[in-house]
C-alpha atoms as a PDB file:
ATOM      1  CA  MET A   1     -25.701  29.313 -62.701  1.00  0.00           C
ATOM      2  CA  ARG A   2     -26.560  27.328 -59.611  1.00  0.00           C
ATOM      3  CA  CYS A   3     -23.920  25.020 -58.158  1.00  0.00           C
ATOM      4  CA  MET A   4     -25.240  21.690 -56.979  1.00  0.00           C
ATOM      5  CA  THR A   5     -23.431  19.782 -54.283  1.00  0.00           C
ATOM      6  CA  ALA A   6     -22.461  16.171 -54.804  1.00  0.00           C
ATOM      7  CA  PRO A   7     -24.607  13.573 -53.044  1.00  0.00           C
ATOM      8  CA  ASP A   8     -23.310  12.198 -49.766  1.00  0.00           C
ATOM      9  CA  SER A   9     -20.339  10.083 -50.869  1.00  0.00           C
ATOM     10  CA  GLY A  10     -20.603   7.841 -47.807  1.00  0.00           C
ATOM     11  CA  ARG A  11     -24.189   6.960 -48.665  1.00  0.00           C
ATOM     12  CA  ARG A  12     -23.284   6.383 -52.309  1.00  0.00           C
ATOM     13  CA  ARG A  13     -20.368   4.123 -51.343  1.00  0.00           C
ATOM     14  CA  SER A  14     -22.652   2.134 -49.064  1.00  0.00           C
ATOM     15  CA  GLN A  15     -25.124   1.632 -51.917  1.00  0.00           C
ATOM     16  CA  TRP A  16     -22.362   0.452 -54.248  1.00  0.00           C
ATOM     17  CA  LEU A  17     -21.075  -1.989 -51.629  1.00  0.00           C
ATOM     18  CA  ARG A  18     -24.550  -3.428 -51.115  1.00  0.00           C
ATOM     19  CA  GLY A  19     -24.599  -4.172 -54.830  1.00  0.00           C
ATOM     20  CA  VAL A  20     -21.381  -6.204 -54.715  1.00  0.00           C
ATOM     21  CA  LEU A  21     -21.548  -7.583 -51.171  1.00  0.00           C
ATOM     22  CA  ASP A  22     -22.494 -11.114 -52.271  1.00  0.00           C
ATOM     23  CA  LEU A  23     -19.468 -11.256 -54.570  1.00  0.00           C
ATOM     24  CA  CYS A  24     -17.174  -9.930 -51.845  1.00  0.00           C
ATOM     25  CA  LEU A  25     -18.481 -12.363 -49.227  1.00  0.00           C
ATOM     26  CA  LEU A  26     -17.949 -15.334 -51.533  1.00  0.00           C
ATOM     27  CA  ALA A  27     -14.440 -14.075 -52.268  1.00  0.00           C
ATOM     28  CA  VAL A  28     -13.388 -13.609 -48.631  1.00  0.00           C
ATOM     29  CA  VAL A  29     -14.335 -17.197 -47.737  1.00  0.00           C
ATOM     30  CA  ALA A  30     -13.125 -18.808 -50.971  1.00  0.00           C
ATOM     31  CA  ASP A  31      -9.673 -19.700 -49.618  1.00  0.00           C
ATOM     32  CA  GLU A  32     -10.493 -20.083 -45.941  1.00  0.00           C
ATOM     33  CA  PRO A  33     -13.836 -20.364 -44.103  1.00  0.00           C
ATOM     34  CA  ALA A  34     -14.692 -17.501 -41.756  1.00  0.00           C
ATOM     35  CA  TYR A  35     -17.314 -16.383 -39.265  1.00  0.00           C
ATOM     36  CA  GLY A  36     -19.148 -13.073 -39.543  1.00  0.00           C
ATOM     37  CA  TYR A  37     -16.797 -10.805 -37.598  1.00  0.00           C
ATOM     38  CA  GLU A  38     -13.766 -12.322 -39.335  1.00  0.00           C
ATOM     39  CA  MET A  39     -15.353 -11.542 -42.727  1.00  0.00           C
ATOM     40  CA  VAL A  40     -15.839  -7.915 -41.704  1.00  0.00           C
ATOM     41  CA  ARG A  41     -12.162  -7.741 -40.677  1.00  0.00           C
ATOM     42  CA  ARG A  42     -11.049  -9.252 -43.995  1.00  0.00           C
ATOM     43  CA  LEU A  43     -13.216  -6.826 -45.954  1.00  0.00           C
ATOM     44  CA  ALA A  44     -11.877  -3.883 -43.937  1.00  0.00           C
ATOM     45  CA  ALA A  45      -8.290  -5.046 -44.487  1.00  0.00           C
ATOM     46  CA  ALA A  46      -9.022  -4.983 -48.231  1.00  0.00           C
ATOM     47  CA  GLY A  47     -10.270  -1.382 -47.965  1.00  0.00           C
ATOM     48  CA  LEU A  48     -13.998  -2.047 -47.600  1.00  0.00           C
ATOM     49  CA  ASP A  49     -14.314  -0.623 -44.111  1.00  0.00           C
ATOM     50  CA  ALA A  50     -17.878   0.616 -44.728  1.00  0.00           C
ATOM     51  CA  VAL A  51     -19.252  -2.931 -44.356  1.00  0.00           C
ATOM     52  CA  ALA A  52     -20.629  -3.455 -40.847  1.00  0.00           C
ATOM     53  CA  GLU A  53     -21.031  -6.826 -39.171  1.00  0.00           C
ATOM     54  CA  GLY A  54     -24.797  -6.391 -38.917  1.00  0.00           C
ATOM     55  CA  SER A  55     -25.111  -5.735 -42.632  1.00  0.00           C
ATOM     56  CA  ILE A  56     -23.528  -9.002 -43.742  1.00  0.00           C
ATOM     57  CA  TYR A  57     -25.803 -11.455 -41.906  1.00  0.00           C
ATOM     58  CA  PRO A  58     -28.839 -10.962 -44.166  1.00  0.00           C
ATOM     59  CA  ALA A  59     -26.573 -11.490 -47.186  1.00  0.00           C
ATOM     60  CA  LEU A  60     -25.003 -14.593 -45.629  1.00  0.00           C
ATOM     61  CA  GLY A  61     -28.445 -16.042 -44.912  1.00  0.00           C
ATOM     62  CA  ARG A  62     -29.564 -15.355 -48.478  1.00  0.00           C
ATOM     63  CA  LEU A  63     -26.402 -16.892 -49.965  1.00  0.00           C
ATOM     64  CA  GLU A  64     -26.908 -19.947 -47.770  1.00  0.00           C
ATOM     65  CA  ARG A  65     -30.570 -20.310 -48.800  1.00  0.00           C
ATOM     66  CA  GLU A  66     -29.512 -20.017 -52.454  1.00  0.00           C
ATOM     67  CA  GLY A  67     -27.053 -22.884 -51.933  1.00  0.00           C
ATOM     68  CA  LEU A  68     -23.946 -20.748 -52.558  1.00  0.00           C
ATOM     69  CA  LEU A  69     -22.623 -20.889 -48.982  1.00  0.00           C
ATOM     70  CA  GLU A  70     -22.792 -23.553 -46.317  1.00  0.00           C
ATOM     71  CA  SER A  71     -22.276 -23.065 -42.615  1.00  0.00           C
ATOM     72  CA  TYR A  72     -20.991 -25.200 -39.787  1.00  0.00           C
ATOM     73  CA  LEU A  73     -20.208 -24.689 -36.108  1.00  0.00           C
ATOM     74  CA  GLY A  74     -16.548 -24.477 -35.253  1.00  0.00           C
ATOM     75  CA  GLU A  75     -14.605 -24.159 -32.036  1.00  0.00           C
ATOM     76  CA  SER A  76     -13.555 -20.755 -30.790  1.00  0.00           C
ATOM     77  CA  ALA A  77     -10.766 -19.905 -28.402  1.00  0.00           C
ATOM     78  CA  GLY A  78     -12.395 -19.285 -25.034  1.00  0.00           C
ATOM     79  CA  GLY A  79     -16.004 -18.906 -26.087  1.00  0.00           C
ATOM     80  CA  PRO A  80     -19.022 -20.593 -27.580  1.00  0.00           C
ATOM     81  CA  PRO A  81     -18.732 -22.261 -30.991  1.00  0.00           C
ATOM     82  CA  ARG A  82     -18.892 -19.915 -33.974  1.00  0.00           C
ATOM     83  CA  LYS A  83     -20.847 -20.268 -37.168  1.00  0.00           C
ATOM     84  CA  TYR A  84     -18.357 -20.490 -40.041  1.00  0.00           C
ATOM     85  CA  TYR A  85     -19.191 -20.103 -43.710  1.00  0.00           C
ATOM     86  CA  ARG A  86     -17.581 -21.596 -46.800  1.00  0.00           C
ATOM     87  CA  PRO A  87     -18.636 -21.671 -50.440  1.00  0.00           C
ATOM     88  CA  THR A  88     -20.411 -24.693 -51.861  1.00  0.00           C
ATOM     89  CA  PRO A  89     -19.297 -25.972 -55.284  1.00  0.00           C
ATOM     90  CA  GLU A  90     -22.130 -23.855 -56.737  1.00  0.00           C
ATOM     91  CA  GLY A  91     -20.825 -20.874 -54.748  1.00  0.00           C
ATOM     92  CA  ALA A  92     -17.337 -21.364 -56.181  1.00  0.00           C
ATOM     93  CA  GLU A  93     -18.833 -21.422 -59.690  1.00  0.00           C
ATOM     94  CA  ALA A  94     -20.847 -18.272 -58.930  1.00  0.00           C
ATOM     95  CA  LEU A  95     -17.706 -16.544 -57.647  1.00  0.00           C
ATOM     96  CA  THR A  96     -15.892 -17.296 -60.909  1.00  0.00           C
ATOM     97  CA  ALA A  97     -18.823 -16.143 -63.053  1.00  0.00           C
ATOM     98  CA  TRP A  98     -19.560 -13.024 -60.998  1.00  0.00           C
ATOM     99  CA  SER A  99     -15.867 -12.082 -60.906  1.00  0.00           C
ATOM    100  CA  GLY A 100     -15.816 -12.089 -64.702  1.00  0.00           C
ATOM    101  CA  GLU A 101     -18.981  -9.995 -64.837  1.00  0.00           C
ATOM    102  CA  TRP A 102     -17.466  -7.570 -62.322  1.00  0.00           C
ATOM    103  CA  GLU A 103     -14.260  -7.208 -64.363  1.00  0.00           C
ATOM    104  CA  ARG A 104     -16.294  -6.422 -67.498  1.00  0.00           C
ATOM    105  CA  LEU A 105     -18.407  -3.889 -65.594  1.00  0.00           C
ATOM    106  CA  VAL A 106     -15.396  -2.179 -64.039  1.00  0.00           C
ATOM    107  CA  GLY A 107     -13.662  -2.075 -67.416  1.00  0.00           C
ATOM    108  CA  GLY A 108     -16.718  -0.492 -69.026  1.00  0.00           C
ATOM    109  CA  VAL A 109     -17.095   2.099 -66.273  1.00  0.00           C
ATOM    110  CA  ALA A 110     -13.369   2.906 -66.453  1.00  0.00           C
ATOM    111  CA  ALA A 111     -13.632   3.383 -70.221  1.00  0.00           C
ATOM    112  CA  VAL A 112     -16.599   5.732 -69.832  1.00  0.00           C
ATOM    113  CA  LEU A 113     -14.850   7.747 -67.131  1.00  0.00           C
ATOM    114  CA  ALA A 114     -11.620   7.910 -69.135  1.00  0.00           C
ATOM    115  CA  GLY A 115     -13.584   9.205 -72.120  1.00  0.00           C
ATOM    116  CA  HIS A 116     -15.224  11.819 -69.888  1.00  0.00           C
ATOM    117  CA  GLY A 117     -11.812  12.973 -68.685  1.00  0.00           C
ATOM    118  CA  ASP A 118     -10.561  13.162 -72.276  1.00  0.00           C
ATOM    119  CA  ARG A 119     -13.525  15.375 -73.226  1.00  0.00           C
ATOM    120  CA  GLU A 120     -12.969  17.677 -70.235  1.00  0.00           C
ATOM    121  CA  THR A 121      -9.285  18.027 -71.110  1.00  0.00           C
ATOM    122  CA  ALA A 122     -10.119  18.786 -74.752  1.00  0.00           C
ATOM    123  CA  GLU A 123     -12.675  21.408 -73.687  1.00  0.00           C
ATOM    124  CA  ARG A 124     -10.191  23.111 -71.338  1.00  0.00           C
ATOM    125  CA  THR A 125      -7.429  23.219 -73.922  1.00  0.00           C
ATOM    126  CA  SER A 126      -9.725  24.575 -76.664  1.00  0.00           C
ATOM    127  CA  ARG A 127     -10.732  27.607 -74.570  1.00  0.00           C
END
């Protein structure tokens, strides 16, 4: 029997994050507007340290074009003005809807994985 190695977990995690980045970006600016680097810091503080500053700007631009985020220039301490982002009313609605979808998805995945673990345990104990 040939043993296969698991795919690169860092690459897999990056792919998963790309899939939920829009949701996460809306969430990190929902309570307080932020500029790009600040969003990366907030995401990292929440445990999503795989998100790089350069990877969020295309998503921010897309969310802005879709009318879910709006931007404005704000003062910065000792530097040029920064571009801050905040959700539009449509963005706040999307955040609520997508959060519900995410909870259902996570619950479904957790149920499948729990069932898988139950089957493995049953197989081990029946040997």
